[in-house]
Amino acid sequence: MRKVLHSYVFRVIIAALLVIAMGAIQYEPMISGFKFWIAFVVIVCVMVYIVTMVGSMQKKLSLSDKALKAISEKTTENTNTEKDN
C-alpha cells in the first residue's frame, strides 16, 4: 500500500510542476528568454511520463497474459483428469 501511495504522490507532484511551468510560460513576461527551455523541459517530462506509463501497461498486460495461460493450463489439466476417472 505504501508503494502505491508513494507512486501516486510522485505523479501528483510531477503533474503540479508541469502545470506551474506551463502557467509560467504562458503568463509571466519576465521569463521570455527562458520560455524555450521551460517548454523543452516540460515536453521531455511529459514524454518520459508517457513512455513510463506505456511500459507499465505493457508489463501489466504481460503478467495478466501469463496468469491467463496458467489458469487455462490448470483448467485443461483438471478436465483431463476428470475424463480419465
Protein backbone atom coordinates (compact mmCIF):
# COMPACT_ATOMS: atom_id res chain seq x y z
CA MET A 1 0.00 0.00 0.00
CA ARG A 2 2.81 2.39 0.87
CA LYS A 3 4.48 1.84 -2.51
CA VAL A 4 1.24 2.63 -4.33
CA LEU A 5 0.73 5.78 -2.25
CA HIS A 6 4.25 6.99 -3.00
CA SER A 7 3.69 6.33 -6.70
CA TYR A 8 0.53 8.45 -6.75
CA VAL A 9 2.17 11.23 -4.73
CA PHE A 10 5.06 11.27 -7.20
CA ARG A 11 2.63 11.50 -10.13
CA VAL A 12 0.72 14.36 -8.50
CA ILE A 13 3.95 16.27 -7.82
CA ILE A 14 5.05 15.86 -11.43
CA ALA A 15 1.67 16.98 -12.72
CA ALA A 16 1.70 20.02 -10.42
CA LEU A 17 5.19 21.01 -11.56
CA LEU A 18 4.18 20.70 -15.19
CA VAL A 19 1.09 22.87 -14.64
CA ILE A 20 3.16 25.50 -12.84
CA ALA A 21 5.76 25.50 -15.61
CA MET A 22 3.14 25.85 -18.33
CA GLY A 23 1.49 28.69 -16.40
CA ALA A 24 4.85 30.41 -16.09
CA ILE A 25 5.41 30.09 -19.82
CA GLN A 26 2.02 31.48 -20.65
CA TYR A 27 1.56 34.33 -18.19
CA GLU A 28 4.99 35.52 -17.00
CA PRO A 29 6.53 38.14 -19.32
CA MET A 30 9.79 38.35 -17.34
CA ILE A 31 10.94 34.86 -18.33
CA SER A 32 10.61 35.32 -22.08
CA GLY A 33 14.26 34.34 -22.59
CA PHE A 34 13.73 31.01 -20.84
CA LYS A 35 10.42 30.05 -22.44
CA PHE A 36 12.05 27.71 -24.93
CA TRP A 37 13.94 25.83 -22.24
CA ILE A 38 10.99 25.61 -19.89
CA ALA A 39 8.79 24.33 -22.72
CA PHE A 40 11.52 21.87 -23.72
CA VAL A 41 11.79 20.51 -20.17
CA VAL A 42 8.01 20.24 -19.88
CA ILE A 43 7.74 18.36 -23.17
CA VAL A 44 10.58 15.99 -22.26
CA CYS A 45 8.97 15.30 -18.86
CA VAL A 46 5.62 14.59 -20.47
CA MET A 47 7.23 12.25 -23.00
CA VAL A 48 9.11 10.38 -20.26
CA TYR A 49 5.87 10.09 -18.28
CA ILE A 50 4.00 8.72 -21.30
CA VAL A 51 6.74 6.20 -22.09
CA THR A 52 6.78 5.11 -18.43
CA MET A 53 3.01 4.65 -18.38
CA VAL A 54 3.06 2.65 -21.63
CA GLY A 55 5.83 0.45 -20.25
CA SER A 56 3.83 -0.10 -17.07
CA MET A 57 0.74 -1.02 -19.08
CA GLN A 58 2.76 -3.44 -21.21
CA LYS A 59 4.17 -5.09 -18.10
CA LYS A 60 0.70 -5.47 -16.57
CA LEU A 61 -0.68 -6.92 -19.80
CA SER A 62 2.19 -9.38 -19.98
CA LEU A 63 1.60 -10.51 -16.39
CA SER A 64 -2.13 -10.90 -16.98
CA ASP A 65 -1.45 -12.90 -20.15
CA LYS A 66 0.84 -15.23 -18.20
CA ALA A 67 -1.80 -15.61 -15.48
CA LEU A 68 -4.47 -16.43 -18.06
CA LYS A 69 -2.23 -19.05 -19.67
CA ALA A 70 -1.57 -20.64 -16.28
CA ILE A 71 -5.30 -20.73 -15.49
CA SER A 72 -6.02 -22.21 -18.92
CA GLU A 73 -3.40 -24.93 -18.43
CA LYS A 74 -4.72 -25.75 -14.96
CA THR A 75 -8.28 -25.96 -16.28
CA THR A 76 -7.15 -28.24 -19.10
CA GLU A 77 -5.36 -30.49 -16.59
CA ASN A 78 -8.44 -30.68 -14.39
CA THR A 79 -10.73 -31.59 -17.28
CA ASN A 80 -8.27 -34.25 -18.47
CA THR A 81 -8.07 -35.87 -15.02
CA GLU A 82 -11.87 -35.84 -14.72
CA LYS A 83 -12.20 -37.57 -18.10
CA ASP A 84 -9.69 -40.24 -17.06
CA ASN A 85 -11.69 -41.06 -13.93
